[in-house]
């Protein structure tokens, strides 16, 4: 009876191992097939956000305004710096830098909003559920940059 019991244990162990291997192989095949079939019908888009901002026609106006602001700040600093000590010069310079950064943000927000609206419009038309910056994408995703550039530039 002891010999018979050892034989039964071996058969049960082989059956469990075979079932496990078939299960793992079946799961691997089903997952590979699922991923491959999902890729072409993906509802994820990607866009080169920086390029869209650079292509926006209002950017030239912002750059011109910021150049003028920067020159005015430099003149203001030069005029006031002569009467300040070294520490006061550094503090005043930092204040001017901060003011320029805030002005730049203030001028860029409308451009960002317009770019975001165009991205939403194009993604809705293409049925995309999510759009991410192309810089964050390693593989896949429908690239909608060209369609967005056409809408932004009107070309």
Protein backbone atom coordinates (compact mmCIF):
# COMPACT_ATOMS: atom_id res chain seq x y z
CA UNK A 1 0.00 0.00 0.00
CA UNK A 2 2.92 2.30 0.71
CA UNK A 3 4.25 1.84 -2.86
CA UNK A 4 0.81 2.54 -4.28
CA UNK A 5 0.55 5.73 -2.20
CA UNK A 6 3.92 7.03 -3.50
CA UNK A 7 2.79 6.40 -7.04
CA UNK A 8 -0.45 8.31 -6.45
CA UNK A 9 1.44 11.25 -4.97
CA UNK A 10 3.70 11.42 -8.02
CA UNK A 11 0.74 11.31 -10.41
CA UNK A 12 -1.11 14.04 -8.50
CA UNK A 13 2.02 16.22 -8.35
CA UNK A 14 2.58 15.81 -12.11
CA UNK A 15 -1.08 16.63 -12.81
CA UNK A 16 -0.88 19.79 -10.68
CA UNK A 17 2.38 20.87 -12.35
CA UNK A 18 0.92 20.26 -15.82
CA UNK A 19 -2.24 22.21 -14.94
CA UNK A 20 -0.13 25.07 -13.62
CA UNK A 21 2.06 25.18 -16.76
CA UNK A 22 -0.98 25.08 -19.07
CA UNK A 23 -2.64 27.82 -17.02
CA UNK A 24 0.42 30.08 -17.17
CA UNK A 25 0.87 29.47 -20.91
CA UNK A 26 -2.82 30.16 -21.56
CA UNK A 27 -2.70 33.36 -19.53
CA UNK A 28 0.42 34.56 -21.35
CA UNK A 29 -1.15 33.91 -24.75
CA UNK A 30 -4.41 35.61 -23.81
CA UNK A 31 -2.64 38.69 -22.42
CA UNK A 32 -0.33 39.02 -25.43
CA UNK A 33 -3.26 38.76 -27.82
CA UNK A 34 -5.26 41.30 -25.80
CA UNK A 35 -2.46 43.89 -25.80
CA UNK A 36 -1.76 43.46 -29.50
CA UNK A 37 -5.42 43.83 -30.42
CA UNK A 38 -5.88 46.86 -28.16
CA UNK A 39 -2.98 48.87 -29.56
CA UNK A 40 -4.53 49.97 -32.89
CA UNK A 41 -7.81 51.02 -31.27
CA UNK A 42 -6.22 52.92 -28.41
CA UNK A 43 -8.01 56.04 -27.21
CA UNK A 44 -4.83 57.65 -25.88
CA UNK A 45 -3.31 60.58 -27.73
CA UNK A 46 -0.03 62.38 -27.51
CA UNK A 47 0.94 65.92 -28.43
CA UNK A 48 4.15 67.95 -28.51
CA UNK A 49 2.91 70.68 -26.16
CA UNK A 50 6.06 72.78 -26.35
CA UNK A 51 5.85 72.87 -30.15
CA UNK A 52 2.21 74.00 -29.98
CA UNK A 53 3.11 76.86 -27.65
CA UNK A 54 6.05 77.85 -29.88
CA UNK A 55 3.81 77.83 -32.97
CA UNK A 56 1.10 80.00 -31.38
CA UNK A 57 0.83 83.36 -33.16
CA UNK A 58 0.42 85.30 -29.89
CA UNK A 59 3.84 84.15 -28.66
CA UNK A 60 5.68 86.82 -30.66
CA UNK A 61 3.64 89.52 -28.93
CA UNK A 62 4.44 88.02 -25.52
CA UNK A 63 8.15 87.88 -26.35
CA UNK A 64 8.15 91.51 -27.51
CA UNK A 65 6.34 92.60 -24.35
CA UNK A 66 8.72 90.63 -22.14
CA UNK A 67 11.75 92.13 -23.92
CA UNK A 68 10.42 95.62 -23.23
CA UNK A 69 9.68 94.70 -19.59
CA UNK A 70 13.17 93.28 -19.19
CA UNK A 71 14.79 96.42 -20.60
CA UNK A 72 12.67 98.63 -18.34
CA UNK A 73 13.63 96.53 -15.32
CA UNK A 74 17.32 96.78 -16.25
CA UNK A 75 17.09 100.58 -16.53
CA UNK A 76 15.22 100.73 -13.24
CA UNK A 77 17.86 98.56 -11.57
CA UNK A 78 20.76 100.57 -13.01
CA UNK A 79 19.22 103.84 -11.86
CA UNK A 80 18.53 102.64 -8.33
CA UNK A 81 21.55 100.34 -7.82
CA UNK A 82 24.04 103.21 -7.54
CA UNK A 83 22.55 104.33 -4.25
CA UNK A 84 22.21 100.83 -2.74
CA UNK A 85 24.59 98.65 -0.77
CA UNK A 86 25.60 95.21 -2.02
CA UNK A 87 22.97 93.32 -0.03
CA UNK A 88 20.22 95.77 -1.05
CA UNK A 89 21.27 95.42 -4.71
CA UNK A 90 20.88 91.65 -4.51
CA UNK A 91 17.47 91.92 -2.83
CA UNK A 92 16.28 94.51 -5.36
CA UNK A 93 17.56 92.39 -8.25
CA UNK A 94 15.63 89.38 -6.90
CA UNK A 95 12.46 91.50 -6.62
CA UNK A 96 12.80 92.59 -10.23
CA UNK A 97 13.41 89.00 -11.37
CA UNK A 98 10.32 87.85 -9.50
CA UNK A 99 8.26 90.66 -11.03
CA UNK A 100 9.43 89.64 -14.51
CA UNK A 101 8.57 86.00 -13.86
CA UNK A 102 5.07 86.93 -12.71
CA UNK A 103 4.58 89.12 -15.77
CA UNK A 104 5.71 86.28 -18.03
CA UNK A 105 3.27 83.88 -16.36
CA UNK A 106 0.49 86.43 -16.68
CA UNK A 107 1.15 86.80 -20.41
CA UNK A 108 1.58 83.07 -21.10
CA UNK A 109 -1.58 81.82 -19.36
CA UNK A 110 -3.89 82.91 -22.23
CA UNK A 111 -1.66 81.09 -24.73
CA UNK A 112 -1.68 77.94 -22.59
CA UNK A 113 -5.46 78.15 -22.32
CA UNK A 114 -5.84 78.49 -26.11
CA UNK A 115 -3.49 75.57 -26.74
CA UNK A 116 -5.39 73.45 -24.21
CA UNK A 117 -8.70 74.31 -25.90
CA UNK A 118 -7.36 73.28 -29.32
CA UNK A 119 -6.02 70.01 -27.90
CA UNK A 120 -9.41 69.28 -26.35
CA UNK A 121 -11.22 70.10 -29.59
CA UNK A 122 -8.99 67.82 -31.68
CA UNK A 123 -9.02 65.01 -29.11
CA UNK A 124 -12.82 65.12 -28.86
CA UNK A 125 -13.11 64.97 -32.66
CA UNK A 126 -10.82 61.91 -32.72
CA UNK A 127 -12.54 60.21 -29.78
CA UNK A 128 -9.48 60.28 -27.53
CA UNK A 129 -10.11 59.86 -23.83
CA UNK A 130 -6.73 61.15 -22.71
CA UNK A 131 -3.90 63.18 -24.28
CA UNK A 132 -0.43 63.34 -22.76
CA UNK A 133 2.69 65.29 -23.64
CA UNK A 134 4.74 63.39 -26.21
CA UNK A 135 7.84 63.89 -24.05
CA UNK A 136 6.31 61.52 -21.49
CA UNK A 137 5.42 58.78 -24.01
CA UNK A 138 7.84 55.99 -24.75
CA UNK A 139 5.64 54.03 -27.16
CA UNK A 140 2.20 54.30 -28.68
CA UNK A 141 -0.54 56.86 -28.61
CA UNK A 142 -2.11 58.69 -31.54
CA UNK A 143 -0.05 61.80 -32.33
CA UNK A 144 -2.37 64.79 -32.81
CA UNK A 145 0.33 67.48 -32.90
CA UNK A 146 -0.02 68.23 -36.62
CA UNK A 147 -3.81 68.65 -36.43
CA UNK A 148 -3.42 70.98 -33.45
CA UNK A 149 -0.73 73.06 -35.20
CA UNK A 150 -3.07 73.51 -38.19
CA UNK A 151 -5.85 74.77 -35.94
CA UNK A 152 -3.55 77.08 -33.98
CA UNK A 153 -1.81 78.62 -36.97
CA UNK A 154 -4.80 78.48 -39.31
CA UNK A 155 -2.65 76.83 -41.99
